[in-house]
Structure formats: structure tokens, C-alpha cells
Protein backbone atom coordinates (compact mmCIF):
# COMPACT_ATOMS: atom_id res chain seq x y z
CA MET A 1 0.00 0.00 0.00
CA LEU A 2 2.62 2.57 1.05
CA ARG A 3 4.98 1.69 -1.79
CA THR A 4 2.02 2.05 -4.16
CA ALA A 5 1.45 5.51 -2.73
CA PHE A 6 5.05 6.39 -3.52
CA ARG A 7 4.56 5.22 -7.09
CA PHE A 8 1.45 7.41 -7.38
CA LEU A 9 3.28 10.47 -6.07
CA ALA A 10 6.66 9.90 -7.70
CA ARG A 11 5.61 8.31 -11.02
CA ILE A 12 5.33 11.80 -12.45
CA SER A 13 8.98 11.39 -13.48
CA THR A 14 7.84 9.03 -16.23
CA ILE A 15 5.27 11.41 -17.70
CA PRO A 16 6.73 13.70 -20.37
CA PHE A 17 5.81 17.34 -20.69
CA GLY A 18 4.04 17.36 -24.04
CA PRO A 19 3.64 20.34 -26.32
CA SER A 20 -0.01 20.67 -25.34
CA VAL A 21 0.92 21.86 -21.84
CA SER A 22 0.89 25.63 -21.49
CA ARG A 23 3.73 27.11 -19.46
CA SER A 24 2.16 30.48 -18.65
CA SER A 25 1.12 30.96 -15.03
CA SER A 26 0.23 33.86 -12.77
CA VAL A 27 1.41 31.85 -9.75
CA SER A 28 4.62 30.51 -11.19
CA PRO A 29 7.08 28.16 -9.51
CA ALA A 30 9.60 30.96 -9.94
CA ASP A 31 7.44 33.23 -7.75
CA VAL A 32 7.28 30.52 -5.13
CA ALA A 33 11.00 29.73 -5.28
CA ASP A 34 12.20 33.28 -4.74
CA GLY A 35 9.39 34.46 -2.46
CA ARG A 36 7.88 37.06 -4.82
CA PRO A 37 4.18 37.84 -4.16
CA ALA A 38 1.89 35.75 -6.35
CA ASP A 39 -1.22 36.89 -8.20
CA ALA A 40 -4.44 34.88 -8.52
CA ALA A 41 -3.96 31.47 -10.09
CA SER A 42 -6.45 31.96 -12.90
CA ARG A 43 -3.84 31.47 -15.63
CA LEU A 44 -2.10 28.38 -14.30
CA PRO A 45 -1.30 25.77 -16.98
CA GLN A 46 -4.03 23.45 -18.14
CA ALA A 47 -2.50 20.00 -18.23
CA ARG A 48 -3.37 17.45 -20.90
CA PRO A 49 -5.47 14.77 -19.17
CA LEU A 50 -3.44 11.65 -18.54
CA LEU A 51 -4.28 8.78 -16.24
CA GLY A 52 -1.72 7.85 -13.64
CA THR A 53 -1.02 4.62 -11.84
CA VAL A 54 -3.32 2.44 -9.81
CA ALA A 55 -4.85 4.32 -6.86
CA CYS A 56 -2.90 4.22 -3.64
CA VAL A 57 -5.63 4.16 -1.04
CA LEU A 58 -8.05 1.53 0.24
CA ALA A 59 -11.65 2.12 -0.76
CA LEU A 60 -13.42 1.89 2.58
CA SER A 61 -17.14 2.67 2.76
CA GLY A 62 -18.65 5.34 4.98
CA ALA A 63 -17.57 8.82 5.98
CA LEU A 64 -14.70 9.39 8.38
CA ALA A 65 -15.81 10.34 11.87
CA ALA A 66 -14.31 13.50 13.33
CA CYS A 67 -12.77 11.54 16.21
CA SER A 68 -12.11 8.37 14.28
CA PRO A 69 -9.67 6.05 16.10
CA THR A 70 -8.01 5.37 12.74
CA PHE A 71 -6.34 8.79 13.03
CA ASP A 72 -3.59 8.28 15.59
CA TRP A 73 -1.76 11.58 15.11
CA ARG A 74 1.89 11.88 16.05
CA THR A 75 4.54 14.51 15.25
CA ILE A 76 7.34 13.33 12.96
CA MET A 77 10.63 15.25 13.04
CA ASN A 78 12.58 14.61 9.85
CA ASN A 79 15.94 16.18 10.63
CA ASP A 80 17.64 14.77 7.53
CA ASN A 81 15.25 16.53 5.15
CA GLY A 82 14.41 19.52 7.32
CA TYR A 83 10.72 19.35 8.18
CA ALA A 84 8.22 18.39 10.88
CA VAL A 85 4.69 17.13 10.26
CA ASP A 86 1.84 15.37 12.05
CA LEU A 87 0.98 11.98 10.53
CA PRO A 88 -2.04 9.84 11.47
CA ALA A 89 -0.09 6.58 11.78
CA LYS A 90 3.47 5.28 11.99
CA PRO A 91 5.08 6.25 8.66
CA GLY A 92 6.88 4.11 6.16
CA ASN A 93 9.92 5.40 4.28
CA ASP A 94 11.06 5.01 0.69
CA GLN A 95 13.47 6.68 -1.71
CA ARG A 96 14.19 6.51 -5.40
CA THR A 97 15.64 8.40 -8.34
CA VAL A 98 13.42 10.70 -10.40
CA MET A 99 14.16 12.59 -13.60
CA ILE A 100 13.60 16.35 -13.43
CA ASP A 101 14.50 18.59 -16.34
CA GLY A 102 16.74 15.84 -17.72
CA LYS A 103 18.64 15.42 -14.45
CA GLN A 104 18.58 12.55 -11.97
CA MET A 105 17.56 13.59 -8.47
CA GLN A 106 16.72 11.67 -5.30
CA MET A 107 13.20 11.80 -3.90
CA ALA A 108 12.49 10.55 -0.39
CA MET A 109 8.96 9.84 0.87
CA GLN A 110 7.40 9.40 4.29
CA THR A 111 3.93 7.91 4.01
CA ALA A 112 1.21 6.99 6.51
CA GLU A 113 -2.18 5.41 5.88
CA ALA A 114 -5.33 6.18 7.89
CA GLY A 115 -8.90 5.29 7.04
CA ASP A 116 -9.35 5.64 3.29
CA ALA A 117 -6.48 8.10 2.81
CA VAL A 118 -2.71 8.18 2.48
CA PHE A 119 -0.76 11.11 3.92
CA ALA A 120 2.72 11.71 2.51
CA VAL A 121 5.62 14.14 2.50
CA GLY A 122 7.99 13.85 -0.43
CA THR A 123 11.36 15.61 -0.51
CA VAL A 124 13.32 16.16 -3.71
CA MET A 125 17.03 16.72 -3.08
CA LEU A 126 18.29 19.30 -5.58
CA PRO A 127 21.84 19.52 -6.96
CA SER A 128 21.82 23.27 -6.25
CA ASP A 129 19.58 25.91 -4.72
CA ASP A 130 19.41 28.17 -7.76
CA GLU A 131 16.03 29.48 -8.83
CA ALA A 132 15.90 27.58 -12.12
CA THR A 133 16.42 24.23 -10.41
CA GLN A 134 13.79 24.97 -7.78
CA ARG A 135 11.37 26.11 -10.49
CA ALA A 136 11.87 22.93 -12.53
CA ALA A 137 11.24 20.70 -9.50
CA LEU A 138 8.10 22.60 -8.48
CA GLU A 139 6.73 22.40 -12.02
CA PHE A 140 7.55 18.69 -12.14
CA LEU A 141 5.60 17.98 -8.95
CA ARG A 142 2.69 20.30 -9.67
CA THR A 143 2.02 19.09 -13.19
CA GLY A 144 2.68 15.46 -12.37
CA LEU A 145 0.20 15.34 -9.49
CA ALA A 146 -2.50 16.77 -11.72
CA ARG A 147 -1.79 14.40 -14.58
CA ASN A 148 -2.01 11.39 -12.29
CA VAL A 149 -5.72 12.13 -11.84
CA GLY A 150 -6.34 13.65 -15.27
CA ALA A 151 -6.88 17.15 -13.88
CA ALA A 152 -5.59 20.64 -14.62
CA PRO A 153 -2.76 21.73 -12.28
CA ASP A 154 -4.70 24.61 -10.74
CA ALA A 155 -3.07 26.08 -7.64
CA HIS A 156 -3.01 29.14 -5.46
CA ALA A 157 -0.38 30.73 -3.27
CA VAL A 158 -0.14 29.70 0.38
CA GLN A 159 2.21 30.50 3.25
CA ILE A 160 4.23 27.57 4.63
CA PRO A 161 5.41 28.10 8.24
CA LEU A 162 9.02 27.83 9.33
CA ALA A 163 9.81 26.11 12.63
CA ALA A 164 12.05 29.03 13.67
CA GLY A 165 9.35 31.58 12.88
CA GLY A 166 8.26 33.30 9.72
CA LYS A 167 6.83 31.80 6.56
CA VAL A 168 7.83 30.99 2.99
CA LEU A 169 5.60 31.15 -0.08
CA GLY A 170 4.33 27.87 -1.53
CA LEU A 171 1.54 26.47 -3.69
CA GLU A 172 -1.64 24.73 -2.58
CA MET A 173 -3.70 22.37 -4.76
CA LYS A 174 -6.95 20.41 -4.46
CA LEU A 175 -7.57 18.04 -7.35
CA THR A 176 -10.27 15.48 -8.08
CA GLY A 177 -10.15 13.06 -10.98
CA GLU A 178 -9.81 9.47 -12.10
CA ALA A 179 -6.71 7.36 -11.52
CA GLY A 180 -5.54 4.00 -12.77
CA SER A 181 -6.97 1.53 -15.23
CA GLN A 182 -10.16 1.20 -13.16
CA HIS A 183 -10.82 4.96 -13.44
CA GLU A 184 -11.37 5.25 -9.69
CA THR A 185 -12.11 8.71 -8.34
CA ARG A 186 -9.38 10.19 -6.16
CA THR A 187 -9.14 13.50 -4.35
CA VAL A 188 -5.64 14.97 -3.91
CA TYR A 189 -4.76 17.75 -1.49
CA ALA A 190 -1.21 19.05 -1.82
CA ARG A 191 1.20 21.79 -0.83
CA LEU A 192 4.46 22.38 -2.69
CA VAL A 193 7.33 24.56 -1.57
CA ALA A 194 11.02 25.12 -2.32
CA ARG A 195 13.58 25.95 0.35
CA GLY A 196 17.30 25.85 -0.31
CA ARG A 197 18.29 22.57 -1.93
CA HIS A 198 14.99 20.86 -1.15
CA VAL A 199 11.57 20.92 -2.79
CA TYR A 200 8.74 19.49 -0.69
CA GLN A 201 5.44 17.89 -1.60
CA ALA A 202 3.02 17.42 1.31
CA ALA A 203 0.00 15.52 -0.01
CA ILE A 204 -3.11 13.60 0.94
CA ILE A 205 -4.63 11.09 -1.49
CA ALA A 206 -8.14 9.89 -0.65
CA SER A 207 -11.01 8.06 -2.28
CA GLY A 208 -13.19 11.07 -1.57
CA PRO A 209 -13.19 14.42 0.21
CA LEU A 210 -11.91 14.28 3.79
CA GLN A 211 -13.30 16.14 6.75
CA GLN A 212 -11.60 19.50 6.92
CA GLU A 213 -10.38 18.74 10.44
CA GLN A 214 -8.08 16.00 9.14
CA VAL A 215 -6.80 18.12 6.25
CA ASP A 216 -6.09 21.05 8.56
CA GLN A 217 -4.29 18.86 11.10
CA PHE A 218 -1.87 17.63 8.45
CA PHE A 219 -1.14 20.88 6.65
CA SER A 220 -1.08 23.18 9.68
CA SER A 221 1.56 20.93 11.27
CA PHE A 222 3.84 20.92 8.21
CA GLN A 223 6.82 23.17 9.04
CA LEU A 224 10.25 23.58 7.47
CA TYR A 225 13.52 23.96 9.35
């Protein structure tokens, strides 16, 4: 299950950027990478629909209860990759090589399953912290997530907190579409942000919309060092 989640989130490396993908965007990865204020996201690229891999979450019936015992939240401190986050179960770990802008980079993933959802934080280790490299990695993650559910990569600007205080500009996405050969509906919540030589992807993949309490718990706890 957790390795399948990694494939869903990281398989974007195998999906080429075709000529039908527009590159214009009012909330560009460049704005996020260098902290410039972002405008409304009305002109973000419209991705060519493409189905991704088999869905990564169990299809359990019924709505999640607000105090569901399946959500056993605990704070995870990832000192190697420079972030802290609350996860609803003991996480699994994986790492593999992805191709970004023609370059091999390492992507690590911490993933936890609760109820009918998978919560994950992926970290791409960049060869340098220059703006162009950060921009390419952000675009890679943003467009790839959307293509995995056949959706447009719509996003808006969001502030990501720093553990030491202050905030850094990132992107927030909520996508719904079909994934895998069975065309199963999946809802993806994600935040993307670049900081130094890391680009982060905090994401939830669920078989349907989650209660806002669970979404807020995950994203409000996500902090960078």
C-alpha cells in the first residue's frame, strides 16, 4: 500500500511534458521559489489529461468520523530533510531516483495510511539551490500530481510556516479526478514549496473528500527547518 502511494506520487517522473501543456502561469514556480508575491492562479497551466497509476488508497465505505480512532496523530521530526509534520499513523519510508529537467535527483517519501487516505511528504534533493532548479522541481511535482488524476494543475499561493518563525511562499492544490486503469475517483490535497536545496510535496490522497479537520491537522503541522 505505502509503496504504491510512492509510485502514485513519484511516477510523475515518467510522464513527459508534451507540447499541449501551457507554461504560462500567474502563480509561477519561480514566484514561489524566490518568495515574490503571487497573483491569482487563474492562468495556471491546463494540463493534458493523462491517467496515472493504480490508486494508492483503500476504498473503505462510509464517511470518516471527526474523532475516528483510525487517526492516531503523532509529530514526525525529519531532521535529515528539514521538516516536521503530524501523521495519522506510523510512517513508512522510501526513496528513489526521479528525472527532473533531464537530471537525476533523489526523492524521499514518508507515508502513513489512515482510514481511506494516504498522507505523505515527499522531498526532492536538488543539486543546487538556484532558482531555475527549484522552479523545474516545483513544475515537475505540480504538473505530475494533476496528470495522475487527469486534472488541470490549478493552484493558489499559500504561506508555509518555518519552525524558527516566519513563513515561505508555496503552492496549494486540491484536485479530483480518475486514476488508474479502473478509473477510480481520487481527491488529492497538496502543498508544494522550495527551500534551499529541497523541494517538498506534502500531499493527501483519498477516495473522496476528507473532513476539513483531518486536512487542517496535516497541513497546519507541516513546518520547514
